[in-house]
Amino acid sequence: MKSLQALQLGHLDEHLRNAIIGHTRSGTFAYYVSVRDNTQSAFIETPARDALLKLTYNSSLTRDASAPQDLTEPQKRSLESDQELNRLKRERADSERYNKFQSLQRKIKARRKKIHEEAKARVRENFFENIGNHIIDQNYRASPVKFEPDTSHIQPERKELADIEFKNRDVDTIDDAELIEDRIRSLELRLRLHRLHVPKALRKRVTFESMALVKSEPQSFPWKSATSLECPVCLGATDAHPAAKQFEYSRKDALQRHFRAHRLPQRFPNGHQCDIPSCSEVLFMRPEYMLHQADCHNIFL
């Protein structure tokens, strides 16, 4: 009875262990046998049952790297046709009072965020409903499961540099000339990345794959913006990526907030030439600079 109780409690002293094992001098086994430790799994080098259970409890399909982390650009654009969102936009356009305008701006932002999160949840839910069948089907066909990550916001130079630096190859079987050529190309890309940077605020907003860059050609003075949504300081930046220089903001207030982030001084003691590449006007005060942008280049700051 005492042995059964000990077995139920999961604890055996040395005398009960000797009686159960059936050896007269089984005290030697006390140094090697522990009821609370899974020595069998450690000896045969297999995962313990408790470890497998914990792994099962903590595992989650949402950690799949191939799961969509956000909506694609076409999916985001399709959300703009939402009736409630368009109604709020029309009310904003007809509003004449600033307070009402700000209120509608907040409602539009909240509505856009809400439908964005709902659409994102639907996309992920549909993905996890079908990913199991897709994996089984690919395994049945003996083909690997592949997914294409979204690289539309990564500079093409960075992707080319990554392809060169992380080639899976045996360098002992490659010609030295090819290695030197790759090294030279890598250095050229690093220099280009150093000269053509993208501001931190635009790294997640500029889409390099779908944005057609305008070639820098001589333009007649005065150059005027067609959308009034470009930043004149960025247009004149020589070390910025062309996609970042020509980025068009969604609204004028977003452009104005970005322009204030440049922190131009109130006065220019030595004069400041207009940042538009085709303009040679020299200005001496920030209000004069902003007025010049509005009159000559159709950019209202």
C-alpha atoms as a PDB file:
ATOM      1  CA  MET A   1       0.000   0.000   0.000  1.00  0.00           C
ATOM      2  CA  LYS A   2       2.799   2.290   0.853  1.00  0.00           C
ATOM      3  CA  SER A   3       4.479   1.565  -2.475  1.00  0.00           C
ATOM      4  CA  LEU A   4       1.296   2.335  -4.406  1.00  0.00           C
ATOM      5  CA  GLN A   5       0.903   5.644  -2.575  1.00  0.00           C
ATOM      6  CA  ALA A   6       4.506   6.517  -3.338  1.00  0.00           C
ATOM      7  CA  LEU A   7       3.990   5.704  -6.991  1.00  0.00           C
ATOM      8  CA  GLN A   8       0.892   7.894  -7.098  1.00  0.00           C
ATOM      9  CA  LEU A   9       2.778  10.751  -5.485  1.00  0.00           C
ATOM     10  CA  GLY A  10       5.633  10.347  -7.962  1.00  0.00           C
ATOM     11  CA  HIS A  11       8.270  10.039  -5.233  1.00  0.00           C
ATOM     12  CA  LEU A  12      10.267   6.989  -4.096  1.00  0.00           C
ATOM     13  CA  ASP A  13      12.766   6.758  -1.324  1.00  0.00           C
ATOM     14  CA  GLU A  14      15.794   4.470  -1.573  1.00  0.00           C
ATOM     15  CA  HIS A  15      14.267   1.477   0.315  1.00  0.00           C
ATOM     16  CA  LEU A  16      11.104   1.421  -1.807  1.00  0.00           C
ATOM     17  CA  ARG A  17      13.177   1.746  -4.948  1.00  0.00           C
ATOM     18  CA  ASN A  18      15.270  -1.257  -3.906  1.00  0.00           C
ATOM     19  CA  ALA A  19      12.148  -3.312  -3.245  1.00  0.00           C
ATOM     20  CA  ILE A  20      10.611  -2.435  -6.587  1.00  0.00           C
ATOM     21  CA  ILE A  21      13.744  -3.046  -8.635  1.00  0.00           C
ATOM     22  CA  GLY A  22      14.312  -6.347  -6.857  1.00  0.00           C
ATOM     23  CA  HIS A  23      18.036  -6.118  -6.223  1.00  0.00           C
ATOM     24  CA  THR A  24      19.643  -6.737  -2.895  1.00  0.00           C
ATOM     25  CA  ARG A  25      22.227  -4.045  -3.395  1.00  0.00           C
ATOM     26  CA  SER A  26      20.392  -1.679  -5.661  1.00  0.00           C
ATOM     27  CA  GLY A  27      21.603   1.407  -3.834  1.00  0.00           C
ATOM     28  CA  THR A  28      24.032   1.866  -6.713  1.00  0.00           C
ATOM     29  CA  PHE A  29      21.077   2.761  -8.929  1.00  0.00           C
ATOM     30  CA  ALA A  30      20.167   5.670  -6.635  1.00  0.00           C
ATOM     31  CA  TYR A  31      22.931   7.682  -8.268  1.00  0.00           C
ATOM     32  CA  TYR A  32      21.605   7.079 -11.777  1.00  0.00           C
ATOM     33  CA  VAL A  33      17.831   6.817 -11.421  1.00  0.00           C
ATOM     34  CA  SER A  34      15.625   9.818 -10.664  1.00  0.00           C
ATOM     35  CA  VAL A  35      11.886   9.594 -10.847  1.00  0.00           C
ATOM     36  CA  ARG A  36      11.438  13.302 -11.492  1.00  0.00           C
ATOM     37  CA  ASP A  37      14.031  13.515 -14.327  1.00  0.00           C
ATOM     38  CA  ASN A  38      13.451  12.106 -17.803  1.00  0.00           C
ATOM     39  CA  THR A  39      16.807  10.356 -18.096  1.00  0.00           C
ATOM     40  CA  GLN A  40      15.553   7.995 -20.804  1.00  0.00           C
ATOM     41  CA  SER A  41      14.937  10.831 -23.294  1.00  0.00           C
ATOM     42  CA  ALA A  42      18.327  12.344 -22.480  1.00  0.00           C
ATOM     43  CA  PHE A  43      20.063   8.985 -22.962  1.00  0.00           C
ATOM     44  CA  ILE A  44      18.517   8.210 -26.368  1.00  0.00           C
ATOM     45  CA  GLU A  45      18.786  11.904 -27.392  1.00  0.00           C
ATOM     46  CA  THR A  46      15.108  12.496 -28.116  1.00  0.00           C
ATOM     47  CA  PRO A  47      12.927  15.446 -27.030  1.00  0.00           C
ATOM     48  CA  ALA A  48      11.172  14.920 -23.734  1.00  0.00           C
ATOM     49  CA  ARG A  49       7.394  14.671 -23.626  1.00  0.00           C
ATOM     50  CA  ASP A  50       7.095  17.838 -21.510  1.00  0.00           C
ATOM     51  CA  ALA A  51       9.250  19.757 -23.986  1.00  0.00           C
ATOM     52  CA  LEU A  52       7.065  18.636 -26.885  1.00  0.00           C
ATOM     53  CA  LEU A  53       3.920  19.651 -25.014  1.00  0.00           C
ATOM     54  CA  LYS A  54       5.338  23.104 -24.225  1.00  0.00           C
ATOM     55  CA  LEU A  55       6.376  23.542 -27.853  1.00  0.00           C
ATOM     56  CA  THR A  56       2.871  22.609 -28.983  1.00  0.00           C
ATOM     57  CA  TYR A  57       1.256  25.027 -26.545  1.00  0.00           C
ATOM     58  CA  ASN A  58       3.509  27.930 -27.568  1.00  0.00           C
ATOM     59  CA  SER A  59       3.487  27.329 -31.318  1.00  0.00           C
ATOM     60  CA  SER A  60       1.352  29.604 -33.467  1.00  0.00           C
ATOM     61  CA  LEU A  61       0.665  29.762 -37.192  1.00  0.00           C
ATOM     62  CA  THR A  62       0.746  33.556 -37.032  1.00  0.00           C
ATOM     63  CA  ARG A  63       4.560  33.337 -36.861  1.00  0.00           C
ATOM     64  CA  ASP A  64       4.751  32.057 -40.436  1.00  0.00           C
ATOM     65  CA  ALA A  65       7.201  34.329 -42.280  1.00  0.00           C
ATOM     66  CA  SER A  66       5.255  33.919 -45.507  1.00  0.00           C
ATOM     67  CA  ALA A  67       2.061  35.344 -43.969  1.00  0.00           C
ATOM     68  CA  PRO A  68       1.122  38.793 -45.335  1.00  0.00           C
ATOM     69  CA  GLN A  69       2.223  41.449 -42.866  1.00  0.00           C
ATOM     70  CA  ASP A  70       0.330  44.280 -44.555  1.00  0.00           C
ATOM     71  CA  LEU A  71      -1.939  45.076 -47.470  1.00  0.00           C
ATOM     72  CA  THR A  72      -0.460  45.508 -50.934  1.00  0.00           C
ATOM     73  CA  GLU A  73      -0.601  48.860 -52.702  1.00  0.00           C
ATOM     74  CA  PRO A  74      -3.505  47.811 -55.021  1.00  0.00           C
ATOM     75  CA  GLN A  75      -5.464  46.583 -51.991  1.00  0.00           C
ATOM     76  CA  LYS A  76      -4.896  49.886 -50.195  1.00  0.00           C
ATOM     77  CA  ARG A  77      -6.005  51.856 -53.254  1.00  0.00           C
ATOM     78  CA  SER A  78      -9.156  49.741 -53.562  1.00  0.00           C
ATOM     79  CA  LEU A  79     -10.128  50.751 -50.013  1.00  0.00           C
ATOM     80  CA  GLU A  80     -10.353  54.380 -51.133  1.00  0.00           C
ATOM     81  CA  SER A  81     -13.644  53.548 -52.891  1.00  0.00           C
ATOM     82  CA  ASP A  82     -15.368  52.995 -49.538  1.00  0.00           C
ATOM     83  CA  GLN A  83     -18.672  54.918 -49.554  1.00  0.00           C
ATOM     84  CA  GLU A  84     -18.353  56.208 -46.006  1.00  0.00           C
ATOM     85  CA  LEU A  85     -14.801  57.385 -46.683  1.00  0.00           C
ATOM     86  CA  ASN A  86     -15.858  59.185 -49.877  1.00  0.00           C
ATOM     87  CA  ARG A  87     -18.786  60.819 -48.060  1.00  0.00           C
ATOM     88  CA  LEU A  88     -16.416  62.168 -45.418  1.00  0.00           C
ATOM     89  CA  LYS A  89     -14.102  63.453 -48.161  1.00  0.00           C
ATOM     90  CA  ARG A  90     -16.984  65.316 -49.800  1.00  0.00           C
ATOM     91  CA  GLU A  91     -17.987  66.874 -46.490  1.00  0.00           C
ATOM     92  CA  ARG A  92     -14.400  67.942 -45.942  1.00  0.00           C
ATOM     93  CA  ALA A  93     -14.271  69.578 -49.395  1.00  0.00           C
ATOM     94  CA  ASP A  94     -17.498  71.505 -48.755  1.00  0.00           C
ATOM     95  CA  SER A  95     -16.508  72.635 -45.275  1.00  0.00           C
ATOM     96  CA  GLU A  96     -15.557  76.276 -44.750  1.00  0.00           C
ATOM     97  CA  ARG A  97     -14.892  76.262 -41.047  1.00  0.00           C
ATOM     98  CA  TYR A  98     -11.493  75.167 -39.837  1.00  0.00           C
ATOM     99  CA  ASN A  99     -12.786  73.303 -36.764  1.00  0.00           C
ATOM    100  CA  LYS A 100     -15.158  71.246 -38.864  1.00  0.00           C
ATOM    101  CA  PHE A 101     -12.360  70.591 -41.337  1.00  0.00           C
ATOM    102  CA  GLN A 102     -10.107  69.268 -38.568  1.00  0.00           C
ATOM    103  CA  SER A 103     -12.938  67.113 -37.202  1.00  0.00           C
ATOM    104  CA  LEU A 104     -13.565  65.566 -40.610  1.00  0.00           C
ATOM    105  CA  GLN A 105      -9.842  65.004 -41.072  1.00  0.00           C
ATOM    106  CA  ARG A 106      -9.780  62.988 -37.855  1.00  0.00           C
ATOM    107  CA  LYS A 107     -12.872  61.029 -38.912  1.00  0.00           C
ATOM    108  CA  ILE A 108     -11.315  60.223 -42.281  1.00  0.00           C
ATOM    109  CA  LYS A 109      -8.126  59.083 -40.594  1.00  0.00           C
ATOM    110  CA  ALA A 110     -10.060  56.930 -38.128  1.00  0.00           C
ATOM    111  CA  ARG A 111     -12.261  55.460 -40.878  1.00  0.00           C
ATOM    112  CA  ARG A 112      -9.272  54.704 -43.111  1.00  0.00           C
ATOM    113  CA  LYS A 113      -7.451  53.020 -40.234  1.00  0.00           C
ATOM    114  CA  LYS A 114     -10.534  50.978 -39.331  1.00  0.00           C
ATOM    115  CA  ILE A 115     -11.180  49.627 -42.830  1.00  0.00           C
ATOM    116  CA  HIS A 116      -7.437  49.063 -43.255  1.00  0.00           C
ATOM    117  CA  GLU A 117      -7.292  46.899 -40.129  1.00  0.00           C
ATOM    118  CA  GLU A 118     -10.473  45.025 -41.119  1.00  0.00           C
ATOM    119  CA  ALA A 119      -9.146  44.310 -44.605  1.00  0.00           C
ATOM    120  CA  LYS A 120      -5.784  43.262 -43.180  1.00  0.00           C
ATOM    121  CA  ALA A 121      -7.514  40.863 -40.756  1.00  0.00           C
ATOM    122  CA  ARG A 122      -9.574  39.376 -43.601  1.00  0.00           C
ATOM    123  CA  VAL A 123      -6.487  38.859 -45.769  1.00  0.00           C
ATOM    124  CA  ARG A 124      -4.588  37.131 -42.970  1.00  0.00           C
ATOM    125  CA  GLU A 125      -7.608  35.016 -42.021  1.00  0.00           C
ATOM    126  CA  ASN A 126      -8.027  33.834 -45.612  1.00  0.00           C
ATOM    127  CA  PHE A 127      -4.308  33.096 -45.774  1.00  0.00           C
ATOM    128  CA  PHE A 128      -4.312  30.866 -42.693  1.00  0.00           C
ATOM    129  CA  GLU A 129      -7.487  29.112 -43.816  1.00  0.00           C
ATOM    130  CA  ASN A 130      -5.851  28.000 -47.064  1.00  0.00           C
ATOM    131  CA  ILE A 131      -2.144  27.768 -46.218  1.00  0.00           C
ATOM    132  CA  GLY A 132      -2.495  24.270 -44.785  1.00  0.00           C
ATOM    133  CA  ASN A 133      -4.023  22.880 -47.973  1.00  0.00           C
ATOM    134  CA  HIS A 134      -1.420  24.711 -50.038  1.00  0.00           C
ATOM    135  CA  ILE A 135       1.473  23.212 -48.031  1.00  0.00           C
ATOM    136  CA  ILE A 136      -0.029  19.697 -48.248  1.00  0.00           C
ATOM    137  CA  ASP A 137      -0.543  20.083 -51.989  1.00  0.00           C
ATOM    138  CA  GLN A 138       3.036  21.299 -52.516  1.00  0.00           C
ATOM    139  CA  ASN A 139       4.418  18.448 -50.409  1.00  0.00           C
ATOM    140  CA  TYR A 140       2.331  15.990 -52.405  1.00  0.00           C
ATOM    141  CA  ARG A 141       3.823  17.385 -55.624  1.00  0.00           C
ATOM    142  CA  ALA A 142       7.326  17.268 -54.069  1.00  0.00           C
ATOM    143  CA  SER A 143       7.848  20.977 -54.730  1.00  0.00           C
ATOM    144  CA  PRO A 144       9.089  23.529 -52.172  1.00  0.00           C
ATOM    145  CA  VAL A 145       6.735  26.106 -50.671  1.00  0.00           C
ATOM    146  CA  LYS A 146       7.834  29.536 -51.861  1.00  0.00           C
ATOM    147  CA  PHE A 147       6.665  33.044 -51.119  1.00  0.00           C
ATOM    148  CA  GLU A 148       7.611  36.416 -52.539  1.00  0.00           C
ATOM    149  CA  PRO A 149       8.350  39.094 -49.909  1.00  0.00           C
ATOM    150  CA  ASP A 150       7.244  42.680 -50.539  1.00  0.00           C
ATOM    151  CA  THR A 151      10.375  44.586 -51.600  1.00  0.00           C
ATOM    152  CA  SER A 152       8.648  47.568 -53.210  1.00  0.00           C
ATOM    153  CA  HIS A 153       9.912  49.931 -50.474  1.00  0.00           C
ATOM    154  CA  ILE A 154      13.559  48.776 -50.690  1.00  0.00           C
ATOM    155  CA  GLN A 155      15.992  50.741 -52.816  1.00  0.00           C
ATOM    156  CA  PRO A 156      17.020  48.839 -55.961  1.00  0.00           C
ATOM    157  CA  GLU A 157      20.674  49.493 -55.094  1.00  0.00           C
ATOM    158  CA  ARG A 158      20.248  47.759 -51.738  1.00  0.00           C
ATOM    159  CA  LYS A 159      18.673  44.687 -53.357  1.00  0.00           C
ATOM    160  CA  GLU A 160      21.469  44.488 -55.928  1.00  0.00           C
ATOM    161  CA  LEU A 161      24.084  44.852 -53.187  1.00  0.00           C
ATOM    162  CA  ALA A 162      22.436  42.067 -51.157  1.00  0.00           C
ATOM    163  CA  ASP A 163      22.426  39.773 -54.201  1.00  0.00           C
ATOM    164  CA  ILE A 164      26.161  40.349 -54.666  1.00  0.00           C
ATOM    165  CA  GLU A 165      27.201  40.090 -51.021  1.00  0.00           C
ATOM    166  CA  PHE A 166      25.147  36.995 -50.156  1.00  0.00           C
ATOM    167  CA  LYS A 167      25.742  34.660 -53.083  1.00  0.00           C
ATOM    168  CA  ASN A 168      25.611  31.023 -52.019  1.00  0.00           C
ATOM    169  CA  ARG A 169      28.695  29.720 -53.790  1.00  0.00           C
ATOM    170  CA  ASP A 170      32.041  28.050 -53.201  1.00  0.00           C
ATOM    171  CA  VAL A 171      34.743  30.678 -53.659  1.00  0.00           C
ATOM    172  CA  ASP A 172      37.378  27.979 -54.243  1.00  0.00           C
ATOM    173  CA  THR A 173      35.747  27.090 -57.567  1.00  0.00           C
ATOM    174  CA  ILE A 174      35.258  30.685 -58.811  1.00  0.00           C
ATOM    175  CA  ASP A 175      37.679  32.643 -60.910  1.00  0.00           C
ATOM    176  CA  ASP A 176      39.526  35.471 -59.136  1.00  0.00           C
ATOM    177  CA  ALA A 177      38.481  37.909 -61.857  1.00  0.00           C
ATOM    178  CA  GLU A 178      34.806  37.311 -61.084  1.00  0.00           C
ATOM    179  CA  LEU A 179      35.387  37.838 -57.366  1.00  0.00           C
ATOM    180  CA  ILE A 180      37.248  41.095 -58.011  1.00  0.00           C
ATOM    181  CA  GLU A 181      34.490  42.254 -60.355  1.00  0.00           C
ATOM    182  CA  ASP A 182      31.835  41.558 -57.706  1.00  0.00           C
ATOM    183  CA  ARG A 183      33.917  43.383 -55.098  1.00  0.00           C
ATOM    184  CA  ILE A 184      34.272  46.453 -57.317  1.00  0.00           C
ATOM    185  CA  ARG A 185      30.544  46.453 -58.062  1.00  0.00           C
ATOM    186  CA  SER A 186      29.825  46.160 -54.339  1.00  0.00           C
ATOM    187  CA  LEU A 187      31.985  49.204 -53.575  1.00  0.00           C
ATOM    188  CA  GLU A 188      30.288  51.198 -56.347  1.00  0.00           C
ATOM    189  CA  LEU A 189      26.846  50.372 -54.932  1.00  0.00           C
ATOM    190  CA  ARG A 190      27.951  51.359 -51.422  1.00  0.00           C
ATOM    191  CA  LEU A 191      29.161  54.728 -52.698  1.00  0.00           C
ATOM    192  CA  ARG A 192      25.911  55.229 -54.579  1.00  0.00           C
ATOM    193  CA  LEU A 193      23.857  54.391 -51.482  1.00  0.00           C
ATOM    194  CA  HIS A 194      25.928  56.864 -49.485  1.00  0.00           C
ATOM    195  CA  ARG A 195      25.180  59.630 -51.987  1.00  0.00           C
ATOM    196  CA  LEU A 196      21.546  58.767 -52.743  1.00  0.00           C
ATOM    197  CA  HIS A 197      19.886  58.335 -49.376  1.00  0.00           C
ATOM    198  CA  VAL A 198      16.158  58.274 -48.611  1.00  0.00           C
ATOM    199  CA  PRO A 199      14.940  60.312 -45.618  1.00  0.00           C
ATOM    200  CA  LYS A 200      13.769  58.178 -42.718  1.00  0.00           C
ATOM    201  CA  ALA A 201      10.236  59.598 -42.908  1.00  0.00           C
ATOM    202  CA  LEU A 202       9.880  58.394 -46.528  1.00  0.00           C
ATOM    203  CA  ARG A 203      11.410  54.922 -46.304  1.00  0.00           C
ATOM    204  CA  LYS A 204       8.027  53.227 -45.840  1.00  0.00           C
ATOM    205  CA  ARG A 205       6.149  55.554 -48.195  1.00  0.00           C
ATOM    206  CA  VAL A 206       8.214  55.637 -51.384  1.00  0.00           C
ATOM    207  CA  THR A 207       7.428  52.718 -53.702  1.00  0.00           C
ATOM    208  CA  PHE A 208      10.419  52.189 -55.983  1.00  0.00           C
ATOM    209  CA  GLU A 209       8.893  49.486 -58.192  1.00  0.00           C
ATOM    210  CA  SER A 210       5.782  51.388 -59.280  1.00  0.00           C
ATOM    211  CA  MET A 211       7.149  54.945 -59.291  1.00  0.00           C
ATOM    212  CA  ALA A 212       8.316  56.159 -62.682  1.00  0.00           C
ATOM    213  CA  LEU A 213      11.204  58.568 -62.187  1.00  0.00           C
ATOM    214  CA  VAL A 214      11.247  61.757 -64.239  1.00  0.00           C
ATOM    215  CA  LYS A 215      14.528  62.337 -66.018  1.00  0.00           C
ATOM    216  CA  SER A 216      16.318  65.491 -65.000  1.00  0.00           C
ATOM    217  CA  GLU A 217      16.181  67.631 -68.131  1.00  0.00           C
ATOM    218  CA  PRO A 218      16.665  71.404 -68.487  1.00  0.00           C
ATOM    219  CA  GLN A 219      13.341  73.147 -67.916  1.00  0.00           C
ATOM    220  CA  SER A 220      12.267  76.626 -68.844  1.00  0.00           C
ATOM    221  CA  PHE A 221      11.954  79.186 -66.041  1.00  0.00           C
ATOM    222  CA  PRO A 222       9.768  79.497 -64.096  1.00  0.00           C
ATOM    223  CA  TRP A 223       9.083  75.804 -63.411  1.00  0.00           C
ATOM    224  CA  LYS A 224       5.649  75.242 -61.869  1.00  0.00           C
ATOM    225  CA  SER A 225       4.433  72.183 -60.038  1.00  0.00           C
ATOM    226  CA  ALA A 226       1.460  70.393 -61.563  1.00  0.00           C
ATOM    227  CA  THR A 227       0.226  68.985 -58.243  1.00  0.00           C
ATOM    228  CA  SER A 228       1.638  71.551 -55.752  1.00  0.00           C
ATOM    229  CA  LEU A 229       2.539  68.610 -53.509  1.00  0.00           C
ATOM    230  CA  GLU A 230       6.325  68.394 -53.989  1.00  0.00           C
ATOM    231  CA  CYS A 231       8.799  69.681 -51.433  1.00  0.00           C
ATOM    232  CA  PRO A 232      11.122  72.339 -52.955  1.00  0.00           C
ATOM    233  CA  VAL A 233      13.923  71.551 -50.490  1.00  0.00           C
ATOM    234  CA  CYS A 234      13.862  67.862 -51.452  1.00  0.00           C
ATOM    235  CA  LEU A 235      13.756  68.716 -55.165  1.00  0.00           C
ATOM    236  CA  GLY A 236      17.038  70.585 -54.781  1.00  0.00           C
ATOM    237  CA  ALA A 237      18.767  67.992 -52.598  1.00  0.00           C
ATOM    238  CA  THR A 238      21.779  66.586 -54.436  1.00  0.00           C
ATOM    239  CA  ASP A 239      22.297  63.609 -52.097  1.00  0.00           C
ATOM    240  CA  ALA A 240      18.701  62.300 -52.110  1.00  0.00           C
ATOM    241  CA  HIS A 241      17.397  59.389 -54.129  1.00  0.00           C
ATOM    242  CA  PRO A 242      15.371  60.536 -57.210  1.00  0.00           C
ATOM    243  CA  ALA A 243      12.291  58.720 -55.900  1.00  0.00           C
ATOM    244  CA  ALA A 244      12.530  60.641 -52.622  1.00  0.00           C
ATOM    245  CA  LYS A 245      13.166  63.965 -54.375  1.00  0.00           C
ATOM    246  CA  GLN A 246      10.075  63.649 -56.573  1.00  0.00           C
ATOM    247  CA  PHE A 247       7.782  62.249 -53.872  1.00  0.00           C
ATOM    248  CA  GLU A 248       4.293  63.793 -53.945  1.00  0.00           C
ATOM    249  CA  TYR A 249       2.527  64.155 -50.609  1.00  0.00           C
ATOM    250  CA  SER A 250      -1.120  63.225 -50.248  1.00  0.00           C
ATOM    251  CA  ARG A 251      -2.295  66.603 -48.885  1.00  0.00           C
ATOM    252  CA  LYS A 252      -0.990  70.135 -48.531  1.00  0.00           C
ATOM    253  CA  ASP A 253      -0.971  69.972 -44.743  1.00  0.00           C
ATOM    254  CA  ALA A 254       1.281  66.872 -44.929  1.00  0.00           C
ATOM    255  CA  LEU A 255       3.622  68.783 -47.251  1.00  0.00           C
ATOM    256  CA  GLN A 256       3.643  71.775 -44.883  1.00  0.00           C
ATOM    257  CA  ARG A 257       4.492  69.559 -41.884  1.00  0.00           C
ATOM    258  CA  HIS A 258       7.331  68.002 -43.855  1.00  0.00           C
ATOM    259  CA  PHE A 259       8.627  71.433 -44.919  1.00  0.00           C
ATOM    260  CA  ARG A 260       8.675  72.607 -41.282  1.00  0.00           C
ATOM    261  CA  ALA A 261      10.786  69.552 -40.436  1.00  0.00           C
ATOM    262  CA  HIS A 262      13.628  71.006 -42.570  1.00  0.00           C
ATOM    263  CA  ARG A 263      13.898  73.843 -40.000  1.00  0.00           C
ATOM    264  CA  LEU A 264      15.008  76.567 -42.386  1.00  0.00           C
ATOM    265  CA  PRO A 265      16.206  79.701 -40.565  1.00  0.00           C
ATOM    266  CA  GLN A 266      14.029  82.789 -40.438  1.00  0.00           C
ATOM    267  CA  ARG A 267      16.704  84.859 -42.185  1.00  0.00           C
ATOM    268  CA  PHE A 268      19.413  84.053 -44.735  1.00  0.00           C
ATOM    269  CA  PRO A 269      22.234  86.579 -44.075  1.00  0.00           C
ATOM    270  CA  ASN A 270      24.275  85.512 -47.113  1.00  0.00           C
ATOM    271  CA  GLY A 271      21.267  84.846 -49.286  1.00  0.00           C
ATOM    272  CA  HIS A 272      19.689  81.482 -50.168  1.00  0.00           C
ATOM    273  CA  GLN A 273      19.214  80.412 -53.754  1.00  0.00           C
ATOM    274  CA  CYS A 274      15.872  78.828 -54.576  1.00  0.00           C
ATOM    275  CA  ASP A 275      16.116  75.042 -54.207  1.00  0.00           C
ATOM    276  CA  ILE A 276      14.292  74.387 -57.482  1.00  0.00           C
ATOM    277  CA  PRO A 277      17.091  73.272 -59.850  1.00  0.00           C
ATOM    278  CA  SER A 278      15.992  75.509 -62.740  1.00  0.00           C
ATOM    279  CA  CYS A 279      15.561  78.637 -60.601  1.00  0.00           C
ATOM    280  CA  SER A 280      18.408  81.044 -59.765  1.00  0.00           C
ATOM    281  CA  GLU A 281      16.438  83.473 -57.563  1.00  0.00           C
ATOM    282  CA  VAL A 282      18.291  84.498 -54.377  1.00  0.00           C
ATOM    283  CA  LEU A 283      16.160  85.038 -51.258  1.00  0.00           C
ATOM    284  CA  PHE A 284      17.015  86.486 -47.846  1.00  0.00           C
ATOM    285  CA  MET A 285      14.073  85.574 -45.576  1.00  0.00           C
ATOM    286  CA  ARG A 286      11.976  82.452 -45.067  1.00  0.00           C
ATOM    287  CA  PRO A 287       8.630  84.238 -45.681  1.00  0.00           C
ATOM    288  CA  GLU A 288      10.105  85.587 -48.914  1.00  0.00           C
ATOM    289  CA  TYR A 289      11.185  82.040 -49.803  1.00  0.00           C
ATOM    290  CA  MET A 290       7.671  80.671 -49.173  1.00  0.00           C
ATOM    291  CA  LEU A 291       6.053  83.497 -51.157  1.00  0.00           C
ATOM    292  CA  HIS A 292       8.433  82.877 -54.045  1.00  0.00           C
ATOM    293  CA  GLN A 293       7.515  79.171 -54.086  1.00  0.00           C
ATOM    294  CA  ALA A 294       3.810  80.027 -54.242  1.00  0.00           C
ATOM    295  CA  ASP A 295       4.080  82.741 -56.920  1.00  0.00           C
ATOM    296  CA  CYS A 296       6.685  81.213 -59.218  1.00  0.00           C
ATOM    297  CA  HIS A 297       6.461  77.449 -58.639  1.00  0.00           C
ATOM    298  CA  ASN A 298       2.858  76.883 -57.487  1.00  0.00           C
ATOM    299  CA  ILE A 299       3.957  75.268 -54.215  1.00  0.00           C
ATOM    300  CA  PHE A 300       2.112  76.617 -51.165  1.00  0.00           C
ATOM    301  CA  LEU A 301       4.050  76.142 -47.947  1.00  0.00           C
END
